[in-house]
């Protein structure tokens, strides 16, 4: 069985919940058992998507067990030492079975470009040792990750990126939610005065991210910075994903906007990029393995 590892920004937790819960060919899903993956686990459980929570150091052994035995044979010993999240049996499993391993990285990385780069590079190298391919659910992030493909060209497995339909890597998670860099640029020109875009995850976590950023610097709060730069609006992006609580009533965005006297603009988002890139990553290394490359 092939192994696709996913290293994900926590801000893309909802998009990841969608693709994993809708993948009817996926029987074996492993989440790195850490605090940052708990939100994803809860959302997958709510979607009845079976998965294992496994300590990072034990994942290579669990993969070996899966590759040696069928699903039923390894379940019994796992019950003794690992937390199994039960869900529906996946139907229509593909002839080419695969394992997906997901590692969600902490939100605090957004406070420092070097921190994002160091942590993502470290995890890509680490997970490449047991992976046939790695899907990186990050944008360029201020170009902190712009050279990762070249810097890590010595890896034994390919890295798949989030790209637009033209094959260009997306700038960040907002470009992902809008459907690409061009759509991002067009939206900025169509809605002057918008200084920040709230996806459900950004809306739910902005206070925590701001708190982490303030630990390392004495910079202004996000709202104060928007005020000082003359921005009058914030945008709320609806991608159609409602896994994150309290976004439907707009309470989190309204709280932020009212605190800094900003207008809310409601925009329609998209899940197309993560949907497509997840499928392309699976197809890419399956085809490579079938070709004997």
C-alpha atoms as a PDB file:
ATOM      1  CA  UNK A   1       0.000   0.000   0.000  1.00  0.00           C
ATOM      2  CA  UNK A   2       1.202   3.471  -0.867  1.00  0.00           C
ATOM      3  CA  UNK A   3       1.521   6.180   1.793  1.00  0.00           C
ATOM      4  CA  UNK A   4       0.444   9.782   1.224  1.00  0.00           C
ATOM      5  CA  UNK A   5       1.488  12.092   4.036  1.00  0.00           C
ATOM      6  CA  UNK A   6      -0.184  15.464   4.479  1.00  0.00           C
ATOM      7  CA  UNK A   7       1.483  18.288   6.369  1.00  0.00           C
ATOM      8  CA  UNK A   8      -1.223  20.843   6.987  1.00  0.00           C
ATOM      9  CA  UNK A   9      -1.636  24.348   8.259  1.00  0.00           C
ATOM     10  CA  UNK A  10      -4.270  24.301  10.968  1.00  0.00           C
ATOM     11  CA  UNK A  11      -6.048  27.092   9.090  1.00  0.00           C
ATOM     12  CA  UNK A  12      -6.950  24.565   6.387  1.00  0.00           C
ATOM     13  CA  UNK A  13      -8.484  22.147   8.888  1.00  0.00           C
ATOM     14  CA  UNK A  14     -11.990  22.483   7.424  1.00  0.00           C
ATOM     15  CA  UNK A  15     -10.864  21.861   3.839  1.00  0.00           C
ATOM     16  CA  UNK A  16      -8.921  18.831   5.043  1.00  0.00           C
ATOM     17  CA  UNK A  17     -11.968  17.527   6.902  1.00  0.00           C
ATOM     18  CA  UNK A  18     -13.929  17.742   3.671  1.00  0.00           C
ATOM     19  CA  UNK A  19     -11.545  15.810   1.411  1.00  0.00           C
ATOM     20  CA  UNK A  20     -10.816  13.101   3.978  1.00  0.00           C
ATOM     21  CA  UNK A  21     -14.457  12.542   4.924  1.00  0.00           C
ATOM     22  CA  UNK A  22     -15.545  12.386   1.264  1.00  0.00           C
ATOM     23  CA  UNK A  23     -12.792  10.016   0.090  1.00  0.00           C
ATOM     24  CA  UNK A  24     -14.695   6.740  -0.237  1.00  0.00           C
ATOM     25  CA  UNK A  25     -11.536   4.864  -1.303  1.00  0.00           C
ATOM     26  CA  UNK A  26      -9.658   5.695   1.891  1.00  0.00           C
ATOM     27  CA  UNK A  27      -9.643   2.885   4.463  1.00  0.00           C
ATOM     28  CA  UNK A  28      -6.511   3.683   6.441  1.00  0.00           C
ATOM     29  CA  UNK A  29      -6.247   7.174   7.925  1.00  0.00           C
ATOM     30  CA  UNK A  30      -3.695   8.043  10.616  1.00  0.00           C
ATOM     31  CA  UNK A  31      -3.526  11.353  12.466  1.00  0.00           C
ATOM     32  CA  UNK A  32      -0.451  12.384  14.422  1.00  0.00           C
ATOM     33  CA  UNK A  33      -1.639  12.348  18.020  1.00  0.00           C
ATOM     34  CA  UNK A  34      -0.942  15.891  19.218  1.00  0.00           C
ATOM     35  CA  UNK A  35      -2.933  18.866  20.460  1.00  0.00           C
ATOM     36  CA  UNK A  36      -2.946  20.561  17.067  1.00  0.00           C
ATOM     37  CA  UNK A  37      -4.637  17.555  15.461  1.00  0.00           C
ATOM     38  CA  UNK A  38      -7.464  17.330  17.994  1.00  0.00           C
ATOM     39  CA  UNK A  39      -9.692  19.793  16.150  1.00  0.00           C
ATOM     40  CA  UNK A  40      -9.387  17.814  12.942  1.00  0.00           C
ATOM     41  CA  UNK A  41     -10.077  14.570  14.800  1.00  0.00           C
ATOM     42  CA  UNK A  42     -13.257  16.003  16.337  1.00  0.00           C
ATOM     43  CA  UNK A  43     -14.506  17.184  12.960  1.00  0.00           C
ATOM     44  CA  UNK A  44     -13.738  13.859  11.294  1.00  0.00           C
ATOM     45  CA  UNK A  45     -15.510  12.045  14.087  1.00  0.00           C
ATOM     46  CA  UNK A  46     -18.561  14.263  13.557  1.00  0.00           C
ATOM     47  CA  UNK A  47     -18.498  13.198   9.902  1.00  0.00           C
ATOM     48  CA  UNK A  48     -18.213   9.550  10.960  1.00  0.00           C
ATOM     49  CA  UNK A  49     -14.802   9.261   9.289  1.00  0.00           C
ATOM     50  CA  UNK A  50     -12.782   6.425  10.878  1.00  0.00           C
ATOM     51  CA  UNK A  51      -9.176   7.193  11.796  1.00  0.00           C
ATOM     52  CA  UNK A  52      -6.377   6.292  14.180  1.00  0.00           C
ATOM     53  CA  UNK A  53      -4.657   8.694  16.538  1.00  0.00           C
ATOM     54  CA  UNK A  54      -1.052   7.505  16.777  1.00  0.00           C
ATOM     55  CA  UNK A  55       1.998   8.918  18.529  1.00  0.00           C
ATOM     56  CA  UNK A  56       4.404  10.371  15.991  1.00  0.00           C
ATOM     57  CA  UNK A  57       7.235   7.978  16.850  1.00  0.00           C
ATOM     58  CA  UNK A  58       4.986   4.937  16.392  1.00  0.00           C
ATOM     59  CA  UNK A  59       3.672   5.794  12.912  1.00  0.00           C
ATOM     60  CA  UNK A  60       6.335   3.911  10.880  1.00  0.00           C
ATOM     61  CA  UNK A  61       5.534   0.722  12.815  1.00  0.00           C
ATOM     62  CA  UNK A  62       1.796   1.155  12.277  1.00  0.00           C
ATOM     63  CA  UNK A  63       2.363   1.634   8.568  1.00  0.00           C
ATOM     64  CA  UNK A  64       4.403  -1.590   8.460  1.00  0.00           C
ATOM     65  CA  UNK A  65       1.581  -3.420  10.231  1.00  0.00           C
ATOM     66  CA  UNK A  66      -0.929  -2.153   7.704  1.00  0.00           C
ATOM     67  CA  UNK A  67       1.262  -3.080   4.786  1.00  0.00           C
ATOM     68  CA  UNK A  68       1.807  -6.623   6.103  1.00  0.00           C
ATOM     69  CA  UNK A  69      -1.694  -7.504   7.219  1.00  0.00           C
ATOM     70  CA  UNK A  70      -5.258  -6.777   6.281  1.00  0.00           C
ATOM     71  CA  UNK A  71      -7.295  -4.300   8.306  1.00  0.00           C
ATOM     72  CA  UNK A  72      -8.958  -6.879  10.560  1.00  0.00           C
ATOM     73  CA  UNK A  73      -5.729  -8.586  11.626  1.00  0.00           C
ATOM     74  CA  UNK A  74      -4.051  -5.499  13.021  1.00  0.00           C
ATOM     75  CA  UNK A  75      -7.084  -4.036  14.767  1.00  0.00           C
ATOM     76  CA  UNK A  76      -6.906  -6.300  17.813  1.00  0.00           C
ATOM     77  CA  UNK A  77      -3.361  -5.391  18.978  1.00  0.00           C
ATOM     78  CA  UNK A  78      -4.015  -1.719  18.298  1.00  0.00           C
ATOM     79  CA  UNK A  79      -6.860  -1.765  20.788  1.00  0.00           C
ATOM     80  CA  UNK A  80      -4.318  -2.266  23.569  1.00  0.00           C
ATOM     81  CA  UNK A  81      -2.173   0.769  22.890  1.00  0.00           C
ATOM     82  CA  UNK A  82      -3.801   3.272  20.572  1.00  0.00           C
ATOM     83  CA  UNK A  83      -6.861   5.460  20.487  1.00  0.00           C
ATOM     84  CA  UNK A  84      -9.152   4.327  17.668  1.00  0.00           C
ATOM     85  CA  UNK A  85     -11.847   6.689  16.460  1.00  0.00           C
ATOM     86  CA  UNK A  86     -14.620   4.560  15.033  1.00  0.00           C
ATOM     87  CA  UNK A  87     -16.770   5.484  12.061  1.00  0.00           C
ATOM     88  CA  UNK A  88     -18.579   4.009   9.121  1.00  0.00           C
ATOM     89  CA  UNK A  89     -16.918   1.370   6.989  1.00  0.00           C
ATOM     90  CA  UNK A  90     -15.751   3.006   3.789  1.00  0.00           C
ATOM     91  CA  UNK A  91     -17.450   1.702   0.687  1.00  0.00           C
ATOM     92  CA  UNK A  92     -16.098   1.166  -2.802  1.00  0.00           C
ATOM     93  CA  UNK A  93     -12.477   0.824  -1.717  1.00  0.00           C
ATOM     94  CA  UNK A  94     -10.130   1.113  -4.650  1.00  0.00           C
ATOM     95  CA  UNK A  95      -8.080  -1.834  -5.856  1.00  0.00           C
ATOM     96  CA  UNK A  96      -5.013   0.266  -5.048  1.00  0.00           C
ATOM     97  CA  UNK A  97      -5.350   0.710  -1.296  1.00  0.00           C
ATOM     98  CA  UNK A  98      -3.512   3.542   0.348  1.00  0.00           C
ATOM     99  CA  UNK A  99      -2.653   5.007   3.718  1.00  0.00           C
ATOM    100  CA  UNK A 100      -2.993   8.694   4.499  1.00  0.00           C
ATOM    101  CA  UNK A 101      -0.986  10.156   7.386  1.00  0.00           C
ATOM    102  CA  UNK A 102      -1.884  13.671   8.521  1.00  0.00           C
ATOM    103  CA  UNK A 103       0.272  15.988  10.595  1.00  0.00           C
ATOM    104  CA  UNK A 104      -1.368  19.303  11.564  1.00  0.00           C
ATOM    105  CA  UNK A 105       1.103  22.016  12.570  1.00  0.00           C
ATOM    106  CA  UNK A 106       0.391  24.704  15.131  1.00  0.00           C
ATOM    107  CA  UNK A 107      -1.162  28.068  14.297  1.00  0.00           C
ATOM    108  CA  UNK A 108       1.548  29.988  16.146  1.00  0.00           C
ATOM    109  CA  UNK A 109       3.875  29.404  13.185  1.00  0.00           C
ATOM    110  CA  UNK A 110       2.077  32.264  11.402  1.00  0.00           C
ATOM    111  CA  UNK A 111       3.773  34.771  13.685  1.00  0.00           C
ATOM    112  CA  UNK A 112       7.214  34.247  12.139  1.00  0.00           C
ATOM    113  CA  UNK A 113       8.244  33.397   8.568  1.00  0.00           C
ATOM    114  CA  UNK A 114      11.463  31.712   9.675  1.00  0.00           C
ATOM    115  CA  UNK A 115       9.536  29.636  12.193  1.00  0.00           C
ATOM    116  CA  UNK A 116       7.158  28.381   9.490  1.00  0.00           C
ATOM    117  CA  UNK A 117      10.062  27.508   7.205  1.00  0.00           C
ATOM    118  CA  UNK A 118      12.094  25.680   9.847  1.00  0.00           C
ATOM    119  CA  UNK A 119       9.142  23.693  11.174  1.00  0.00           C
ATOM    120  CA  UNK A 120       7.711  22.734   7.782  1.00  0.00           C
ATOM    121  CA  UNK A 121      11.109  21.715   6.386  1.00  0.00           C
ATOM    122  CA  UNK A 122      11.797  19.615   9.473  1.00  0.00           C
ATOM    123  CA  UNK A 123       8.475  17.793   9.232  1.00  0.00           C
ATOM    124  CA  UNK A 124       8.738  17.214   5.483  1.00  0.00           C
ATOM    125  CA  UNK A 125      12.166  15.613   5.883  1.00  0.00           C
ATOM    126  CA  UNK A 126      10.992  13.544   8.822  1.00  0.00           C
ATOM    127  CA  UNK A 127       7.834  12.231   7.155  1.00  0.00           C
ATOM    128  CA  UNK A 128       9.512  11.585   3.803  1.00  0.00           C
ATOM    129  CA  UNK A 129      11.206   8.550   5.361  1.00  0.00           C
ATOM    130  CA  UNK A 130       7.967   6.563   5.319  1.00  0.00           C
ATOM    131  CA  UNK A 131       6.028   8.315   2.542  1.00  0.00           C
ATOM    132  CA  UNK A 132       5.532   7.741  -1.172  1.00  0.00           C
ATOM    133  CA  UNK A 133       4.455  11.360  -1.530  1.00  0.00           C
ATOM    134  CA  UNK A 134       3.842  14.425   0.641  1.00  0.00           C
ATOM    135  CA  UNK A 135       1.025  16.903   0.082  1.00  0.00           C
ATOM    136  CA  UNK A 136       1.891  20.270   1.608  1.00  0.00           C
ATOM    137  CA  UNK A 137      -1.245  22.127   2.683  1.00  0.00           C
ATOM    138  CA  UNK A 138       0.463  25.498   2.908  1.00  0.00           C
ATOM    139  CA  UNK A 139       0.697  28.399   0.514  1.00  0.00           C
ATOM    140  CA  UNK A 140       3.859  30.391  -0.087  1.00  0.00           C
ATOM    141  CA  UNK A 141       3.236  32.141   3.258  1.00  0.00           C
ATOM    142  CA  UNK A 142       5.044  35.386   2.471  1.00  0.00           C
ATOM    143  CA  UNK A 143       7.422  33.328   0.319  1.00  0.00           C
ATOM    144  CA  UNK A 144       8.771  31.564   3.414  1.00  0.00           C
ATOM    145  CA  UNK A 145       8.119  28.287   1.586  1.00  0.00           C
ATOM    146  CA  UNK A 146       8.846  29.499  -1.935  1.00  0.00           C
ATOM    147  CA  UNK A 147      12.094  27.518  -2.318  1.00  0.00           C
ATOM    148  CA  UNK A 148      11.096  24.329  -0.548  1.00  0.00           C
ATOM    149  CA  UNK A 149      10.945  22.253  -3.736  1.00  0.00           C
ATOM    150  CA  UNK A 150      14.514  23.188  -4.649  1.00  0.00           C
ATOM    151  CA  UNK A 151      15.871  23.121  -1.096  1.00  0.00           C
ATOM    152  CA  UNK A 152      14.518  19.621  -0.493  1.00  0.00           C
ATOM    153  CA  UNK A 153      15.121  18.195  -3.958  1.00  0.00           C
ATOM    154  CA  UNK A 154      17.165  15.373  -2.406  1.00  0.00           C
ATOM    155  CA  UNK A 155      14.082  13.786  -0.812  1.00  0.00           C
ATOM    156  CA  UNK A 156      13.219  10.226  -1.776  1.00  0.00           C
ATOM    157  CA  UNK A 157       9.557  11.151  -2.399  1.00  0.00           C
ATOM    158  CA  UNK A 158       7.846  13.990  -4.298  1.00  0.00           C
ATOM    159  CA  UNK A 159       6.225  16.998  -2.644  1.00  0.00           C
ATOM    160  CA  UNK A 160       2.831  18.077  -3.976  1.00  0.00           C
ATOM    161  CA  UNK A 161       1.758  21.686  -3.551  1.00  0.00           C
ATOM    162  CA  UNK A 162      -1.450  23.681  -3.507  1.00  0.00           C
ATOM    163  CA  UNK A 163      -1.676  25.257  -6.954  1.00  0.00           C
ATOM    164  CA  UNK A 164      -4.180  27.121  -9.087  1.00  0.00           C
ATOM    165  CA  UNK A 165      -5.484  25.752 -12.377  1.00  0.00           C
ATOM    166  CA  UNK A 166      -2.441  27.186 -14.168  1.00  0.00           C
ATOM    167  CA  UNK A 167      -0.118  25.184 -11.932  1.00  0.00           C
ATOM    168  CA  UNK A 168       1.110  28.197  -9.947  1.00  0.00           C
ATOM    169  CA  UNK A 169       1.469  27.848  -6.200  1.00  0.00           C
ATOM    170  CA  UNK A 170      -1.034  29.847  -4.185  1.00  0.00           C
ATOM    171  CA  UNK A 171       0.074  32.691  -1.957  1.00  0.00           C
ATOM    172  CA  UNK A 172      -1.652  31.697   1.272  1.00  0.00           C
ATOM    173  CA  UNK A 173      -4.744  30.157   2.840  1.00  0.00           C
ATOM    174  CA  UNK A 174      -6.890  33.120   1.760  1.00  0.00           C
ATOM    175  CA  UNK A 175      -5.913  32.549  -1.872  1.00  0.00           C
ATOM    176  CA  UNK A 176      -6.851  28.899  -1.304  1.00  0.00           C
ATOM    177  CA  UNK A 177     -10.284  29.858   0.014  1.00  0.00           C
ATOM    178  CA  UNK A 178     -10.896  32.330  -2.831  1.00  0.00           C
ATOM    179  CA  UNK A 179      -9.872  29.924  -5.589  1.00  0.00           C
ATOM    180  CA  UNK A 180      -6.387  31.132  -6.513  1.00  0.00           C
ATOM    181  CA  UNK A 181      -4.042  34.131  -6.706  1.00  0.00           C
ATOM    182  CA  UNK A 182      -5.812  35.752  -9.657  1.00  0.00           C
ATOM    183  CA  UNK A 183      -9.129  35.587  -7.867  1.00  0.00           C
ATOM    184  CA  UNK A 184      -7.424  37.041  -4.780  1.00  0.00           C
ATOM    185  CA  UNK A 185      -6.079  40.005  -6.766  1.00  0.00           C
ATOM    186  CA  UNK A 186      -9.430  40.560  -8.464  1.00  0.00           C
ATOM    187  CA  UNK A 187     -11.251  40.523  -5.128  1.00  0.00           C
ATOM    188  CA  UNK A 188      -8.879  43.112  -3.659  1.00  0.00           C
ATOM    189  CA  UNK A 189      -9.523  45.420  -6.606  1.00  0.00           C
ATOM    190  CA  UNK A 190     -13.299  44.892  -6.501  1.00  0.00           C
ATOM    191  CA  UNK A 191     -13.578  45.520  -2.761  1.00  0.00           C
ATOM    192  CA  UNK A 192     -11.325  48.460  -1.858  1.00  0.00           C
ATOM    193  CA  UNK A 193     -10.832  49.085   1.809  1.00  0.00           C
ATOM    194  CA  UNK A 194     -10.803  45.401   2.770  1.00  0.00           C
ATOM    195  CA  UNK A 195      -7.809  44.868   5.022  1.00  0.00           C
ATOM    196  CA  UNK A 196      -8.339  41.295   6.162  1.00  0.00           C
ATOM    197  CA  UNK A 197     -10.171  38.133   5.103  1.00  0.00           C
ATOM    198  CA  UNK A 198     -11.801  35.829   7.629  1.00  0.00           C
ATOM    199  CA  UNK A 199     -12.299  32.182   6.776  1.00  0.00           C
ATOM    200  CA  UNK A 200     -14.155  30.200   9.464  1.00  0.00           C
ATOM    201  CA  UNK A 201     -10.868  29.034  10.983  1.00  0.00           C
ATOM    202  CA  UNK A 202      -9.377  32.538  11.014  1.00  0.00           C
ATOM    203  CA  UNK A 203     -12.549  33.881  12.597  1.00  0.00           C
ATOM    204  CA  UNK A 204     -12.533  31.224  15.270  1.00  0.00           C
ATOM    205  CA  UNK A 205      -8.847  31.545  16.119  1.00  0.00           C
ATOM    206  CA  UNK A 206      -7.832  35.169  15.564  1.00  0.00           C
ATOM    207  CA  UNK A 207      -7.513  35.988  19.265  1.00  0.00           C
ATOM    208  CA  UNK A 208      -5.209  33.020  19.866  1.00  0.00           C
ATOM    209  CA  UNK A 209      -3.008  33.868  16.879  1.00  0.00           C
ATOM    210  CA  UNK A 210      -2.775  37.496  17.941  1.00  0.00           C
ATOM    211  CA  UNK A 211      -1.837  36.450  21.465  1.00  0.00           C
ATOM    212  CA  UNK A 212       0.977  34.245  20.149  1.00  0.00           C
ATOM    213  CA  UNK A 213       2.255  37.024  17.889  1.00  0.00           C
ATOM    214  CA  UNK A 214       2.334  39.479  20.776  1.00  0.00           C
ATOM    215  CA  UNK A 215       4.522  37.115  22.801  1.00  0.00           C
ATOM    216  CA  UNK A 216       7.398  37.598  20.394  1.00  0.00           C
ATOM    217  CA  UNK A 217       6.928  41.300  19.630  1.00  0.00           C
ATOM    218  CA  UNK A 218       5.245  44.473  20.791  1.00  0.00           C
ATOM    219  CA  UNK A 219       3.452  44.937  17.507  1.00  0.00           C
ATOM    220  CA  UNK A 220      -0.027  46.403  17.252  1.00  0.00           C
ATOM    221  CA  UNK A 221      -3.078  44.233  17.459  1.00  0.00           C
ATOM    222  CA  UNK A 222      -4.547  43.188  14.120  1.00  0.00           C
ATOM    223  CA  UNK A 223      -7.511  45.524  14.459  1.00  0.00           C
ATOM    224  CA  UNK A 224      -5.390  48.496  15.539  1.00  0.00           C
ATOM    225  CA  UNK A 225      -3.046  47.897  12.619  1.00  0.00           C
ATOM    226  CA  UNK A 226      -5.978  47.887  10.174  1.00  0.00           C
ATOM    227  CA  UNK A 227      -7.260  51.137  11.691  1.00  0.00           C
ATOM    228  CA  UNK A 228      -3.855  52.814  11.498  1.00  0.00           C
ATOM    229  CA  UNK A 229      -3.462  51.822   7.838  1.00  0.00           C
ATOM    230  CA  UNK A 230      -6.848  53.270   6.965  1.00  0.00           C
ATOM    231  CA  UNK A 231      -8.700  50.047   6.203  1.00  0.00           C
ATOM    232  CA  UNK A 232     -12.456  50.286   6.640  1.00  0.00           C
ATOM    233  CA  UNK A 233     -13.636  46.734   5.956  1.00  0.00           C
ATOM    234  CA  UNK A 234     -13.014  43.082   6.668  1.00  0.00           C
ATOM    235  CA  UNK A 235     -14.278  40.233   4.500  1.00  0.00           C
ATOM    236  CA  UNK A 236     -16.002  37.074   5.653  1.00  0.00           C
ATOM    237  CA  UNK A 237     -15.406  34.164   3.290  1.00  0.00           C
ATOM    238  CA  UNK A 238     -18.061  31.497   3.014  1.00  0.00           C
ATOM    239  CA  UNK A 239     -16.575  28.388   1.391  1.00  0.00           C
ATOM    240  CA  UNK A 240     -19.688  26.348   2.141  1.00  0.00           C
ATOM    241  CA  UNK A 241     -17.855  24.489   4.911  1.00  0.00           C
ATOM    242  CA  UNK A 242     -19.539  24.658   8.284  1.00  0.00           C
ATOM    243  CA  UNK A 243     -17.402  22.325  10.390  1.00  0.00           C
ATOM    244  CA  UNK A 244     -16.229  25.190  12.602  1.00  0.00           C
ATOM    245  CA  UNK A 245     -18.794  26.182  15.188  1.00  0.00           C
ATOM    246  CA  UNK A 246     -20.129  29.688  15.638  1.00  0.00           C
ATOM    247  CA  UNK A 247     -19.337  30.937  12.138  1.00  0.00           C
ATOM    248  CA  UNK A 248     -22.827  30.626  10.706  1.00  0.00           C
ATOM    249  CA  UNK A 249     -24.202  33.389  12.965  1.00  0.00           C
ATOM    250  CA  UNK A 250     -21.186  35.569  12.160  1.00  0.00           C
ATOM    251  CA  UNK A 251     -20.529  36.160  15.847  1.00  0.00           C
ATOM    252  CA  UNK A 252     -16.751  35.931  15.715  1.00  0.00           C
ATOM    253  CA  UNK A 253     -16.377  38.242  12.728  1.00  0.00           C
ATOM    254  CA  UNK A 254     -18.981  40.626  14.124  1.00  0.00           C
ATOM    255  CA  UNK A 255     -17.093  40.738  17.424  1.00  0.00           C
ATOM    256  CA  UNK A 256     -13.880  41.694  15.663  1.00  0.00           C
ATOM    257  CA  UNK A 257     -15.486  44.223  13.304  1.00  0.00           C
ATOM    258  CA  UNK A 258     -17.466  45.984  16.002  1.00  0.00           C
ATOM    259  CA  UNK A 259     -14.377  46.223  18.229  1.00  0.00           C
ATOM    260  CA  UNK A 260     -12.541  48.231  15.571  1.00  0.00           C
ATOM    261  CA  UNK A 261     -15.474  49.958  13.845  1.00  0.00           C
ATOM    262  CA  UNK A 262     -15.043  48.014  10.598  1.00  0.00           C
ATOM    263  CA  UNK A 263     -17.643  47.065   7.989  1.00  0.00           C
ATOM    264  CA  UNK A 264     -18.170  43.387   7.105  1.00  0.00           C
ATOM    265  CA  UNK A 265     -18.193  42.335   3.451  1.00  0.00           C
ATOM    266  CA  UNK A 266     -19.575  38.837   2.741  1.00  0.00           C
ATOM    267  CA  UNK A 267     -17.836  36.937  -0.064  1.00  0.00           C
ATOM    268  CA  UNK A 268     -18.255  33.521  -1.639  1.00  0.00           C
ATOM    269  CA  UNK A 269     -15.271  31.210  -1.379  1.00  0.00           C
ATOM    270  CA  UNK A 270     -14.335  27.838  -2.847  1.00  0.00           C
ATOM    271  CA  UNK A 271     -12.922  24.428  -1.919  1.00  0.00           C
ATOM    272  CA  UNK A 272     -11.771  23.692  -5.478  1.00  0.00           C
ATOM    273  CA  UNK A 273      -8.032  24.017  -4.876  1.00  0.00           C
ATOM    274  CA  UNK A 274      -7.741  21.598  -1.956  1.00  0.00           C
ATOM    275  CA  UNK A 275     -10.232  19.179  -3.574  1.00  0.00           C
ATOM    276  CA  UNK A 276      -8.258  19.072  -6.816  1.00  0.00           C
ATOM    277  CA  UNK A 277      -4.756  19.061  -5.331  1.00  0.00           C
ATOM    278  CA  UNK A 278      -5.610  16.229  -2.934  1.00  0.00           C
ATOM    279  CA  UNK A 279      -6.831  14.093  -5.837  1.00  0.00           C
ATOM    280  CA  UNK A 280      -3.850  15.037  -7.992  1.00  0.00           C
ATOM    281  CA  UNK A 281      -1.434  14.027  -5.236  1.00  0.00           C
ATOM    282  CA  UNK A 282      -3.106  10.628  -4.914  1.00  0.00           C
ATOM    283  CA  UNK A 283      -3.161  10.110  -8.674  1.00  0.00           C
ATOM    284  CA  UNK A 284       0.438  11.272  -9.016  1.00  0.00           C
ATOM    285  CA  UNK A 285       2.153   8.764  -6.793  1.00  0.00           C
ATOM    286  CA  UNK A 286      -0.251   5.925  -7.663  1.00  0.00           C
ATOM    287  CA  UNK A 287       0.630   6.358 -11.335  1.00  0.00           C
ATOM    288  CA  UNK A 288       4.320   6.591 -10.506  1.00  0.00           C
ATOM    289  CA  UNK A 289       4.221   3.374  -8.495  1.00  0.00           C
ATOM    290  CA  UNK A 290       2.256   1.532 -11.186  1.00  0.00           C
ATOM    291  CA  UNK A 291       4.863   2.665 -13.740  1.00  0.00           C
ATOM    292  CA  UNK A 292       7.598   1.167 -11.598  1.00  0.00           C
ATOM    293  CA  UNK A 293       9.366   4.513 -11.206  1.00  0.00           C
END
